[in-house]
């Protein structure tokens, strides 16, 4: 190959390189405009609470090339049970769901002049032993362009912009104390109150102590021997008229006997 041929090949290669560069610049200028956000809800949580992290990337026309967004999210170690899903109308997520604190997923959008939104939804639970303080989640979205070829952006990432990175702070609160059980008050019956009968006090029975009153001595007759009448026991009283009458009769009977005895003696 002479020098003339070499100069011709050199000119062809230079022209081709300039054409490729121009095509890339045109494609770069026609790339989609992107907006992205990353947030956590709620921003204060205690052990056992569930927190939702949301990363959103939205592209606006013109989309005259295959475009994708690469999500790279790290959920801090204070969270367990992390799971996520990627979705969007007309969007292909690779992969579409998964688990774990380190997340890497690509959302591909079709070659069309429409607005597309890719949403990465993450749920996580504050670990039981998480210490109070600030836990920070990190998310970076990298926008990938494949102006010359279609297909998966993971396979052919020909162009990409600098990633947009975000953080979301979550305040880990003290565990919620378990409330002490409280006694449930017993409600009073709604009916009429029942009166409890109170027994009347029984008056004490007086104790009567009976004392035996000695019988009075029998009256002494004026003449002759006197036979003492037997005592009638409790309740005798010399002031009782019946007792006096009996005593008088007895005395009269004795006097009659004595008089009779005297008459007999006189006759002898």
C-alpha atoms as a PDB file:
ATOM      1  CA  UNK A   1       0.000   0.000   0.000  1.00  0.00           C
ATOM      2  CA  UNK A   2       1.482   3.306  -1.139  1.00  0.00           C
ATOM      3  CA  UNK A   3       1.308   6.607   0.590  1.00  0.00           C
ATOM      4  CA  UNK A   4      -1.656   7.747  -1.478  1.00  0.00           C
ATOM      5  CA  UNK A   5      -3.760   4.829  -0.316  1.00  0.00           C
ATOM      6  CA  UNK A   6      -2.733   5.407   3.299  1.00  0.00           C
ATOM      7  CA  UNK A   7      -3.799   9.038   3.152  1.00  0.00           C
ATOM      8  CA  UNK A   8      -7.169   8.001   1.710  1.00  0.00           C
ATOM      9  CA  UNK A   9      -7.789   5.443   4.487  1.00  0.00           C
ATOM     10  CA  UNK A  10      -6.800   7.995   7.098  1.00  0.00           C
ATOM     11  CA  UNK A  11      -9.291  10.482   5.727  1.00  0.00           C
ATOM     12  CA  UNK A  12     -12.067   7.872   5.763  1.00  0.00           C
ATOM     13  CA  UNK A  13     -11.360   6.909   9.368  1.00  0.00           C
ATOM     14  CA  UNK A  14     -11.279  10.538  10.465  1.00  0.00           C
ATOM     15  CA  UNK A  15     -14.599  11.213   8.742  1.00  0.00           C
ATOM     16  CA  UNK A  16     -16.174   8.155  10.356  1.00  0.00           C
ATOM     17  CA  UNK A  17     -14.906   9.149  13.797  1.00  0.00           C
ATOM     18  CA  UNK A  18     -16.320  12.648  13.385  1.00  0.00           C
ATOM     19  CA  UNK A  19     -19.655  11.172  12.291  1.00  0.00           C
ATOM     20  CA  UNK A  20     -19.818   8.885  15.302  1.00  0.00           C
ATOM     21  CA  UNK A  21     -18.928  11.747  17.626  1.00  0.00           C
ATOM     22  CA  UNK A  22     -21.613  13.961  16.078  1.00  0.00           C
ATOM     23  CA  UNK A  23     -24.181  11.178  16.444  1.00  0.00           C
ATOM     24  CA  UNK A  24     -23.314  10.734  20.098  1.00  0.00           C
ATOM     25  CA  UNK A  25     -23.552  14.460  20.729  1.00  0.00           C
ATOM     26  CA  UNK A  26     -26.954  14.629  19.021  1.00  0.00           C
ATOM     27  CA  UNK A  27     -28.173  11.645  20.994  1.00  0.00           C
ATOM     28  CA  UNK A  28     -26.806  13.133  24.203  1.00  0.00           C
ATOM     29  CA  UNK A  29     -28.680  16.356  23.605  1.00  0.00           C
ATOM     30  CA  UNK A  30     -31.904  14.451  22.932  1.00  0.00           C
ATOM     31  CA  UNK A  31     -31.667  12.453  26.169  1.00  0.00           C
ATOM     32  CA  UNK A  32     -34.536  12.500  28.611  1.00  0.00           C
ATOM     33  CA  UNK A  33     -34.801  14.961  31.451  1.00  0.00           C
ATOM     34  CA  UNK A  34     -34.929  13.249  34.848  1.00  0.00           C
ATOM     35  CA  UNK A  35     -36.162  14.183  38.300  1.00  0.00           C
ATOM     36  CA  UNK A  36     -35.713  12.003  41.374  1.00  0.00           C
ATOM     37  CA  UNK A  37     -36.647  11.877  45.054  1.00  0.00           C
ATOM     38  CA  UNK A  38     -35.938   9.665  48.073  1.00  0.00           C
ATOM     39  CA  UNK A  39     -37.743   9.817  51.441  1.00  0.00           C
ATOM     40  CA  UNK A  40     -38.682   7.781  54.523  1.00  0.00           C
ATOM     41  CA  UNK A  41     -42.014   7.655  56.344  1.00  0.00           C
ATOM     42  CA  UNK A  42     -42.273   7.976  59.276  1.00  0.00           C
ATOM     43  CA  UNK A  43     -39.054   9.742  60.198  1.00  0.00           C
ATOM     44  CA  UNK A  44     -39.290   8.719  63.878  1.00  0.00           C
ATOM     45  CA  UNK A  45     -39.798   5.082  64.820  1.00  0.00           C
ATOM     46  CA  UNK A  46     -39.340   2.760  67.788  1.00  0.00           C
ATOM     47  CA  UNK A  47     -38.239  -0.902  67.764  1.00  0.00           C
ATOM     48  CA  UNK A  48     -40.909  -2.985  66.078  1.00  0.00           C
ATOM     49  CA  UNK A  49     -42.250  -0.106  63.938  1.00  0.00           C
ATOM     50  CA  UNK A  50     -42.364  -0.382  60.140  1.00  0.00           C
ATOM     51  CA  UNK A  51     -40.745   2.341  57.996  1.00  0.00           C
ATOM     52  CA  UNK A  52     -41.397   2.808  54.265  1.00  0.00           C
ATOM     53  CA  UNK A  53     -38.621   4.161  51.996  1.00  0.00           C
ATOM     54  CA  UNK A  54     -39.598   5.439  48.537  1.00  0.00           C
ATOM     55  CA  UNK A  55     -37.231   6.218  45.658  1.00  0.00           C
ATOM     56  CA  UNK A  56     -38.825   7.751  42.539  1.00  0.00           C
ATOM     57  CA  UNK A  57     -37.253   8.568  39.180  1.00  0.00           C
ATOM     58  CA  UNK A  58     -39.313  10.365  36.491  1.00  0.00           C
ATOM     59  CA  UNK A  59     -38.291  10.950  32.869  1.00  0.00           C
ATOM     60  CA  UNK A  60     -39.887  13.506  30.543  1.00  0.00           C
ATOM     61  CA  UNK A  61     -39.743  13.715  26.707  1.00  0.00           C
ATOM     62  CA  UNK A  62     -37.971  13.629  24.377  1.00  0.00           C
ATOM     63  CA  UNK A  63     -37.210   9.908  24.839  1.00  0.00           C
ATOM     64  CA  UNK A  64     -35.905   9.070  21.368  1.00  0.00           C
ATOM     65  CA  UNK A  65     -33.562   6.389  22.734  1.00  0.00           C
ATOM     66  CA  UNK A  66     -33.540   3.542  25.250  1.00  0.00           C
ATOM     67  CA  UNK A  67     -33.116   5.059  28.676  1.00  0.00           C
ATOM     68  CA  UNK A  68     -32.881   3.517  32.126  1.00  0.00           C
ATOM     69  CA  UNK A  69     -32.221   4.385  35.750  1.00  0.00           C
ATOM     70  CA  UNK A  70     -30.001   2.380  38.072  1.00  0.00           C
ATOM     71  CA  UNK A  71     -31.077   2.387  41.759  1.00  0.00           C
ATOM     72  CA  UNK A  72     -28.480   1.685  44.446  1.00  0.00           C
ATOM     73  CA  UNK A  73     -29.979   1.881  47.972  1.00  0.00           C
ATOM     74  CA  UNK A  74     -28.504   0.920  51.328  1.00  0.00           C
ATOM     75  CA  UNK A  75     -30.806   0.481  54.341  1.00  0.00           C
ATOM     76  CA  UNK A  76     -28.932   0.774  57.691  1.00  0.00           C
ATOM     77  CA  UNK A  77     -28.331  -2.215  59.950  1.00  0.00           C
ATOM     78  CA  UNK A  78     -30.864  -0.965  62.537  1.00  0.00           C
ATOM     79  CA  UNK A  79     -33.564  -2.345  60.210  1.00  0.00           C
ATOM     80  CA  UNK A  80     -34.523  -5.956  59.581  1.00  0.00           C
ATOM     81  CA  UNK A  81     -36.996  -7.747  57.325  1.00  0.00           C
ATOM     82  CA  UNK A  82     -36.194  -5.451  54.382  1.00  0.00           C
ATOM     83  CA  UNK A  83     -38.170  -6.142  51.196  1.00  0.00           C
ATOM     84  CA  UNK A  84     -38.721  -4.084  48.048  1.00  0.00           C
ATOM     85  CA  UNK A  85     -40.589  -3.897  44.746  1.00  0.00           C
ATOM     86  CA  UNK A  86     -39.886  -1.919  41.558  1.00  0.00           C
ATOM     87  CA  UNK A  87     -42.739  -0.873  39.279  1.00  0.00           C
ATOM     88  CA  UNK A  88     -44.003   1.685  36.770  1.00  0.00           C
ATOM     89  CA  UNK A  89     -46.416   1.871  33.852  1.00  0.00           C
ATOM     90  CA  UNK A  90     -44.571   0.689  30.727  1.00  0.00           C
ATOM     91  CA  UNK A  91     -41.397   0.148  32.788  1.00  0.00           C
ATOM     92  CA  UNK A  92     -39.278  -3.002  32.912  1.00  0.00           C
ATOM     93  CA  UNK A  93     -37.553  -3.499  36.291  1.00  0.00           C
ATOM     94  CA  UNK A  94     -34.607  -5.878  36.523  1.00  0.00           C
ATOM     95  CA  UNK A  95     -35.223  -7.493  38.978  1.00  0.00           C
ATOM     96  CA  UNK A  96     -38.811  -6.577  39.885  1.00  0.00           C
ATOM     97  CA  UNK A  97     -38.562  -7.409  43.613  1.00  0.00           C
ATOM     98  CA  UNK A  98     -36.189  -8.687  46.257  1.00  0.00           C
ATOM     99  CA  UNK A  99     -35.070  -8.660  49.884  1.00  0.00           C
ATOM    100  CA  UNK A 100     -32.052  -7.472  51.828  1.00  0.00           C
ATOM    101  CA  UNK A 101     -30.539  -4.207  53.046  1.00  0.00           C
ATOM    102  CA  UNK A 102     -28.359  -3.659  49.922  1.00  0.00           C
ATOM    103  CA  UNK A 103     -30.575  -3.002  46.891  1.00  0.00           C
ATOM    104  CA  UNK A 104     -29.499  -2.739  43.232  1.00  0.00           C
ATOM    105  CA  UNK A 105     -32.150  -2.631  40.519  1.00  0.00           C
ATOM    106  CA  UNK A 106     -32.444  -1.115  37.013  1.00  0.00           C
ATOM    107  CA  UNK A 107     -35.619   0.370  35.591  1.00  0.00           C
ATOM    108  CA  UNK A 108     -35.780   0.433  31.774  1.00  0.00           C
ATOM    109  CA  UNK A 109     -38.223   2.653  29.911  1.00  0.00           C
ATOM    110  CA  UNK A 110     -39.303   2.169  26.273  1.00  0.00           C
ATOM    111  CA  UNK A 111     -38.266   4.268  23.288  1.00  0.00           C
ATOM    112  CA  UNK A 112     -41.206   6.663  23.274  1.00  0.00           C
ATOM    113  CA  UNK A 113     -42.018  10.353  23.666  1.00  0.00           C
ATOM    114  CA  UNK A 114     -43.941   9.968  26.918  1.00  0.00           C
ATOM    115  CA  UNK A 115     -43.385  10.577  30.608  1.00  0.00           C
ATOM    116  CA  UNK A 116     -42.364   7.505  32.605  1.00  0.00           C
ATOM    117  CA  UNK A 117     -42.021   7.046  36.337  1.00  0.00           C
ATOM    118  CA  UNK A 118     -40.022   4.290  38.046  1.00  0.00           C
ATOM    119  CA  UNK A 119     -40.855   3.704  41.726  1.00  0.00           C
ATOM    120  CA  UNK A 120     -38.788   1.649  44.147  1.00  0.00           C
ATOM    121  CA  UNK A 121     -40.839   0.908  47.285  1.00  0.00           C
ATOM    122  CA  UNK A 122     -38.955  -0.459  50.321  1.00  0.00           C
ATOM    123  CA  UNK A 123     -40.380  -1.608  53.677  1.00  0.00           C
ATOM    124  CA  UNK A 124     -38.258  -2.333  56.753  1.00  0.00           C
ATOM    125  CA  UNK A 125     -38.822  -2.950  60.469  1.00  0.00           C
ATOM    126  CA  UNK A 126     -36.805  -1.315  63.248  1.00  0.00           C
ATOM    127  CA  UNK A 127     -34.866  -4.100  64.961  1.00  0.00           C
ATOM    128  CA  UNK A 128     -35.799  -5.032  68.525  1.00  0.00           C
ATOM    129  CA  UNK A 129     -32.310  -4.217  69.822  1.00  0.00           C
ATOM    130  CA  UNK A 130     -31.819  -1.002  67.859  1.00  0.00           C
ATOM    131  CA  UNK A 131     -30.175   1.672  70.019  1.00  0.00           C
ATOM    132  CA  UNK A 132     -31.817   5.110  70.163  1.00  0.00           C
ATOM    133  CA  UNK A 133     -30.271   7.613  67.753  1.00  0.00           C
ATOM    134  CA  UNK A 134     -30.177   8.546  64.073  1.00  0.00           C
ATOM    135  CA  UNK A 135     -30.171   5.872  61.346  1.00  0.00           C
ATOM    136  CA  UNK A 136     -29.382   7.029  57.794  1.00  0.00           C
ATOM    137  CA  UNK A 137     -30.451   5.341  54.549  1.00  0.00           C
ATOM    138  CA  UNK A 138     -28.533   6.146  51.326  1.00  0.00           C
ATOM    139  CA  UNK A 139     -29.877   6.102  47.777  1.00  0.00           C
ATOM    140  CA  UNK A 140     -28.203   6.938  44.449  1.00  0.00           C
ATOM    141  CA  UNK A 141     -29.944   7.041  41.069  1.00  0.00           C
ATOM    142  CA  UNK A 142     -27.749   6.847  37.958  1.00  0.00           C
ATOM    143  CA  UNK A 143     -29.336   7.654  34.595  1.00  0.00           C
ATOM    144  CA  UNK A 144     -28.138   5.404  31.754  1.00  0.00           C
ATOM    145  CA  UNK A 145     -28.376   6.063  27.990  1.00  0.00           C
ATOM    146  CA  UNK A 146     -28.028   3.577  25.178  1.00  0.00           C
ATOM    147  CA  UNK A 147     -28.438   5.824  22.111  1.00  0.00           C
ATOM    148  CA  UNK A 148     -27.215   3.354  19.481  1.00  0.00           C
ATOM    149  CA  UNK A 149     -28.645   0.049  20.689  1.00  0.00           C
ATOM    150  CA  UNK A 150     -31.801  -1.155  22.358  1.00  0.00           C
ATOM    151  CA  UNK A 151     -32.157  -3.735  25.077  1.00  0.00           C
ATOM    152  CA  UNK A 152     -31.208  -3.957  28.691  1.00  0.00           C
ATOM    153  CA  UNK A 153     -29.314  -0.990  30.086  1.00  0.00           C
ATOM    154  CA  UNK A 154     -27.462  -3.377  32.394  1.00  0.00           C
ATOM    155  CA  UNK A 155     -26.025  -5.137  29.361  1.00  0.00           C
ATOM    156  CA  UNK A 156     -25.154  -2.060  27.288  1.00  0.00           C
ATOM    157  CA  UNK A 157     -24.531   1.010  29.465  1.00  0.00           C
ATOM    158  CA  UNK A 158     -22.993   3.162  26.735  1.00  0.00           C
ATOM    159  CA  UNK A 159     -23.562   6.519  28.419  1.00  0.00           C
ATOM    160  CA  UNK A 160     -24.469   7.596  31.902  1.00  0.00           C
ATOM    161  CA  UNK A 161     -24.617  10.762  33.930  1.00  0.00           C
ATOM    162  CA  UNK A 162     -23.208  11.357  37.363  1.00  0.00           C
ATOM    163  CA  UNK A 163     -25.438   9.721  39.981  1.00  0.00           C
ATOM    164  CA  UNK A 164     -27.865  11.759  42.057  1.00  0.00           C
ATOM    165  CA  UNK A 165     -27.546  10.722  45.680  1.00  0.00           C
ATOM    166  CA  UNK A 166     -29.876  11.256  48.628  1.00  0.00           C
ATOM    167  CA  UNK A 167     -30.049  10.419  52.321  1.00  0.00           C
ATOM    168  CA  UNK A 168     -33.007   9.834  54.614  1.00  0.00           C
ATOM    169  CA  UNK A 169     -32.571  10.137  58.390  1.00  0.00           C
ATOM    170  CA  UNK A 170     -34.772   8.153  60.771  1.00  0.00           C
ATOM    171  CA  UNK A 171     -34.776   8.879  64.490  1.00  0.00           C
ATOM    172  CA  UNK A 172     -34.803   5.642  66.478  1.00  0.00           C
ATOM    173  CA  UNK A 173     -36.838   6.317  69.623  1.00  0.00           C
ATOM    174  CA  UNK A 174     -36.822   4.532  72.953  1.00  0.00           C
ATOM    175  CA  UNK A 175     -38.901   1.337  73.020  1.00  0.00           C
ATOM    176  CA  UNK A 176     -42.501   1.904  74.005  1.00  0.00           C
ATOM    177  CA  UNK A 177     -42.946   0.683  77.624  1.00  0.00           C
ATOM    178  CA  UNK A 178     -45.518  -1.997  78.220  1.00  0.00           C
ATOM    179  CA  UNK A 179     -48.424  -0.505  80.195  1.00  0.00           C
ATOM    180  CA  UNK A 180     -49.206  -2.019  83.551  1.00  0.00           C
ATOM    181  CA  UNK A 181     -52.564  -3.839  83.659  1.00  0.00           C
ATOM    182  CA  UNK A 182     -55.269  -1.876  85.427  1.00  0.00           C
ATOM    183  CA  UNK A 183     -58.109  -3.353  87.419  1.00  0.00           C
ATOM    184  CA  UNK A 184     -61.497  -2.949  85.777  1.00  0.00           C
ATOM    185  CA  UNK A 185     -63.961  -1.355  88.200  1.00  0.00           C
ATOM    186  CA  UNK A 186     -67.094  -3.408  88.858  1.00  0.00           C
ATOM    187  CA  UNK A 187     -70.242  -1.540  87.959  1.00  0.00           C
ATOM    188  CA  UNK A 188     -72.984  -1.287  90.547  1.00  0.00           C
ATOM    189  CA  UNK A 189     -76.274  -3.079  89.663  1.00  0.00           C
ATOM    190  CA  UNK A 190     -78.770  -0.874  87.878  1.00  0.00           C
ATOM    191  CA  UNK A 191     -81.810  -2.179  89.833  1.00  0.00           C
ATOM    192  CA  UNK A 192     -83.168  -0.916  93.110  1.00  0.00           C
ATOM    193  CA  UNK A 193     -80.705  -1.346  95.944  1.00  0.00           C
ATOM    194  CA  UNK A 194     -81.477  -4.284  98.176  1.00  0.00           C
ATOM    195  CA  UNK A 195     -81.632  -3.401 101.827  1.00  0.00           C
ATOM    196  CA  UNK A 196     -80.061  -5.890 104.137  1.00  0.00           C
ATOM    197  CA  UNK A 197     -82.277  -6.616 107.138  1.00  0.00           C
ATOM    198  CA  UNK A 198     -80.529  -5.852 110.360  1.00  0.00           C
ATOM    199  CA  UNK A 199     -81.586  -7.975 113.308  1.00  0.00           C
ATOM    200  CA  UNK A 200     -82.892  -5.991 116.223  1.00  0.00           C
ATOM    201  CA  UNK A 201     -80.809  -6.455 119.331  1.00  0.00           C
ATOM    202  CA  UNK A 202     -82.394  -8.907 121.801  1.00  0.00           C
ATOM    203  CA  UNK A 203     -82.790  -7.295 125.219  1.00  0.00           C
ATOM    204  CA  UNK A 204     -80.897  -9.074 127.900  1.00  0.00           C
ATOM    205  CA  UNK A 205     -83.050 -11.213 130.218  1.00  0.00           C
ATOM    206  CA  UNK A 206     -82.634  -9.966 133.752  1.00  0.00           C
ATOM    207  CA  UNK A 207     -81.299 -12.568 136.119  1.00  0.00           C
ATOM    208  CA  UNK A 208     -83.495 -12.872 139.207  1.00  0.00           C
ATOM    209  CA  UNK A 209     -81.811 -14.272 142.270  1.00  0.00           C
ATOM    210  CA  UNK A 210     -84.407 -15.681 144.670  1.00  0.00           C
ATOM    211  CA  UNK A 211     -83.549 -15.473 148.343  1.00  0.00           C
ATOM    212  CA  UNK A 212     -85.353 -17.591 150.915  1.00  0.00           C
ATOM    213  CA  UNK A 213     -86.949 -15.476 153.638  1.00  0.00           C
ATOM    214  CA  UNK A 214     -86.920 -17.244 157.029  1.00  0.00           C
ATOM    215  CA  UNK A 215     -90.338 -17.872 158.511  1.00  0.00           C
ATOM    216  CA  UNK A 216     -91.234 -15.759 161.510  1.00  0.00           C
ATOM    217  CA  UNK A 217     -91.358 -17.542 164.862  1.00  0.00           C
ATOM    218  CA  UNK A 218     -94.753 -18.784 165.998  1.00  0.00           C
ATOM    219  CA  UNK A 219     -96.465 -16.704 168.669  1.00  0.00           C
ATOM    220  CA  UNK A 220     -95.833 -17.922 172.189  1.00  0.00           C
ATOM    221  CA  UNK A 221     -99.098 -18.749 174.102  1.00  0.00           C
ATOM    222  CA  UNK A 222     -99.584 -17.131 177.446  1.00  0.00           C
ATOM    223  CA  UNK A 223    -100.225 -20.482 179.207  1.00  0.00           C
ATOM    224  CA  UNK A 224     -99.162 -24.037 178.654  1.00  0.00           C
ATOM    225  CA  UNK A 225     -96.601 -25.463 176.302  1.00  0.00           C
ATOM    226  CA  UNK A 226     -96.327 -24.016 172.841  1.00  0.00           C
ATOM    227  CA  UNK A 227     -95.924 -26.198 169.764  1.00  0.00           C
ATOM    228  CA  UNK A 228     -94.100 -24.362 167.054  1.00  0.00           C
ATOM    229  CA  UNK A 229     -95.782 -24.531 163.704  1.00  0.00           C
ATOM    230  CA  UNK A 230     -93.666 -25.749 160.831  1.00  0.00           C
ATOM    231  CA  UNK A 231     -92.338 -23.143 158.518  1.00  0.00           C
ATOM    232  CA  UNK A 232     -94.229 -22.782 155.222  1.00  0.00           C
ATOM    233  CA  UNK A 233     -91.043 -22.038 153.372  1.00  0.00           C
ATOM    234  CA  UNK A 234     -90.313 -19.194 151.019  1.00  0.00           C
ATOM    235  CA  UNK A 235     -92.922 -16.479 150.998  1.00  0.00           C
ATOM    236  CA  UNK A 236     -94.005 -16.831 154.757  1.00  0.00           C
ATOM    237  CA  UNK A 237     -94.524 -13.554 156.463  1.00  0.00           C
ATOM    238  CA  UNK A 238     -95.754 -12.857 160.007  1.00  0.00           C
ATOM    239  CA  UNK A 239     -97.791 -10.071 158.683  1.00  0.00           C
ATOM    240  CA  UNK A 240     -99.813 -12.492 156.483  1.00  0.00           C
ATOM    241  CA  UNK A 241    -103.418 -12.670 157.836  1.00  0.00           C
ATOM    242  CA  UNK A 242    -103.851 -16.347 156.935  1.00  0.00           C
ATOM    243  CA  UNK A 243    -100.792 -17.248 158.946  1.00  0.00           C
ATOM    244  CA  UNK A 244    -102.089 -15.286 161.942  1.00  0.00           C
ATOM    245  CA  UNK A 245    -105.503 -16.921 161.693  1.00  0.00           C
ATOM    246  CA  UNK A 246    -103.991 -20.377 161.632  1.00  0.00           C
ATOM    247  CA  UNK A 247    -101.849 -19.545 164.612  1.00  0.00           C
ATOM    248  CA  UNK A 248    -104.861 -18.257 166.543  1.00  0.00           C
ATOM    249  CA  UNK A 249    -106.861 -21.385 165.821  1.00  0.00           C
ATOM    250  CA  UNK A 250    -103.967 -23.563 166.915  1.00  0.00           C
ATOM    251  CA  UNK A 251    -103.603 -21.572 170.120  1.00  0.00           C
ATOM    252  CA  UNK A 252    -107.326 -21.806 170.812  1.00  0.00           C
ATOM    253  CA  UNK A 253    -107.239 -25.551 170.221  1.00  0.00           C
ATOM    254  CA  UNK A 254    -104.371 -25.883 172.668  1.00  0.00           C
ATOM    255  CA  UNK A 255    -106.227 -23.842 175.254  1.00  0.00           C
ATOM    256  CA  UNK A 256    -109.260 -26.078 174.886  1.00  0.00           C
ATOM    257  CA  UNK A 257    -107.106 -29.141 175.378  1.00  0.00           C
ATOM    258  CA  UNK A 258    -105.497 -27.623 178.436  1.00  0.00           C
ATOM    259  CA  UNK A 259    -108.863 -26.662 179.885  1.00  0.00           C
ATOM    260  CA  UNK A 260    -110.186 -30.158 179.356  1.00  0.00           C
ATOM    261  CA  UNK A 261    -107.149 -31.646 181.033  1.00  0.00           C
ATOM    262  CA  UNK A 262    -107.611 -29.324 184.004  1.00  0.00           C
ATOM    263  CA  UNK A 263    -111.250 -30.324 184.477  1.00  0.00           C
ATOM    264  CA  UNK A 264    -110.334 -33.994 184.481  1.00  0.00           C
ATOM    265  CA  UNK A 265    -107.710 -33.466 187.080  1.00  0.00           C
ATOM    266  CA  UNK A 266    -110.080 -31.580 189.286  1.00  0.00           C
ATOM    267  CA  UNK A 267    -112.640 -34.389 189.209  1.00  0.00           C
ATOM    268  CA  UNK A 268    -110.141 -36.887 190.395  1.00  0.00           C
END
